[in-house]
Amino acid sequence: MQQESRKNNQQQQKRRPGLAPILFLAAAVLTLLKLAGVIEWRWGWVLSPIWVPLFIILVMLLFEILRDFEEIVIEILKRR
């Protein structure tokens, strides 16, 4: 019974491609369109499927670091 459950979980995980391949494909398509002259966007926008998610992740990481820093400062102040 457990093996069947594991197999089902593995099959479900294999079906979901995730967001990274989709973003890479979007960036590749936009790059080809830019190089072919179909779109006249700036390169920053053509490559935005790559840098926008990275920017969002970095901002979230920064907020997490600041939150942890705040907790550390509060703990230090409590000990005084």
Protein backbone atom coordinates (compact mmCIF):
# COMPACT_ATOMS: atom_id res chain seq x y z
CA MET A 1 0.00 0.00 0.00
CA GLN A 2 2.83 2.40 0.84
CA GLN A 3 4.62 1.61 -2.40
CA GLU A 4 1.52 2.54 -4.40
CA SER A 5 1.29 5.82 -2.50
CA ARG A 6 4.96 6.56 -3.22
CA LYS A 7 4.54 5.73 -6.89
CA ASN A 8 1.53 8.05 -7.14
CA ASN A 9 3.49 10.86 -5.47
CA GLN A 10 6.44 10.33 -7.82
CA GLN A 11 4.17 10.34 -10.87
CA GLN A 12 2.48 13.55 -9.73
CA GLN A 13 5.84 15.22 -9.15
CA LYS A 14 7.05 14.22 -12.60
CA ARG A 15 4.02 15.80 -14.26
CA ARG A 16 4.56 19.24 -12.78
CA PRO A 17 7.30 21.02 -14.71
CA GLY A 18 7.67 23.88 -12.25
CA LEU A 19 8.01 27.55 -12.99
CA ALA A 20 11.67 27.70 -14.01
CA PRO A 21 11.33 25.88 -17.36
CA ILE A 22 8.31 27.99 -18.26
CA LEU A 23 10.19 31.21 -17.49
CA PHE A 24 13.22 30.00 -19.43
CA LEU A 25 11.01 29.17 -22.40
CA ALA A 26 9.38 32.60 -22.23
CA ALA A 27 12.79 34.28 -22.14
CA ALA A 28 13.97 32.18 -25.09
CA VAL A 29 10.86 33.00 -27.15
CA LEU A 30 11.13 36.71 -26.39
CA THR A 31 14.84 36.65 -27.25
CA LEU A 32 14.12 35.01 -30.60
CA LEU A 33 11.37 37.52 -31.32
CA LYS A 34 13.75 40.38 -30.46
CA LEU A 35 16.53 38.99 -32.66
CA ALA A 36 14.09 38.42 -35.53
CA GLY A 37 12.93 42.03 -35.28
CA VAL A 38 9.33 41.11 -34.48
CA ILE A 39 9.38 43.06 -31.23
CA GLU A 40 11.36 46.21 -30.52
CA TRP A 41 11.45 45.97 -26.76
CA ARG A 42 14.48 46.87 -24.71
CA TRP A 43 16.65 43.93 -23.69
CA GLY A 44 15.73 44.44 -20.05
CA TRP A 45 12.10 43.64 -20.81
CA VAL A 46 12.98 40.80 -23.16
CA LEU A 47 14.93 39.13 -20.36
CA SER A 48 12.41 40.04 -17.65
CA PRO A 49 11.18 36.44 -17.25
CA ILE A 50 14.63 35.77 -15.80
CA TRP A 51 15.35 38.85 -13.69
CA VAL A 52 11.88 39.65 -12.30
CA PRO A 53 11.53 36.36 -10.33
CA LEU A 54 15.13 36.71 -9.11
CA PHE A 55 14.39 40.25 -7.96
CA ILE A 56 11.26 39.09 -6.11
CA ILE A 57 13.21 36.30 -4.41
CA LEU A 58 15.96 38.74 -3.37
CA VAL A 59 13.41 41.18 -1.91
CA MET A 60 11.75 38.36 0.03
CA LEU A 61 15.15 37.22 1.30
CA LEU A 62 16.00 40.77 2.37
CA PHE A 63 12.74 41.05 4.34
CA GLU A 64 13.47 37.71 6.00
CA ILE A 65 16.98 38.83 6.97
CA LEU A 66 15.64 42.12 8.34
CA ARG A 67 12.97 40.28 10.33
CA ASP A 68 15.57 37.95 11.82
CA PHE A 69 17.85 40.91 12.55
CA GLU A 70 15.00 42.63 14.38
CA GLU A 71 14.41 39.53 16.50
CA ILE A 72 18.11 39.35 17.34
CA VAL A 73 18.20 43.02 18.38
CA ILE A 74 15.09 42.58 20.54
CA GLU A 75 16.65 39.52 22.21
CA ILE A 76 19.86 41.46 22.92
CA LEU A 77 17.90 44.35 24.41
CA LYS A 78 15.91 41.99 26.62
CA ARG A 79 19.11 40.55 28.08
CA ARG A 80 20.37 43.97 29.22
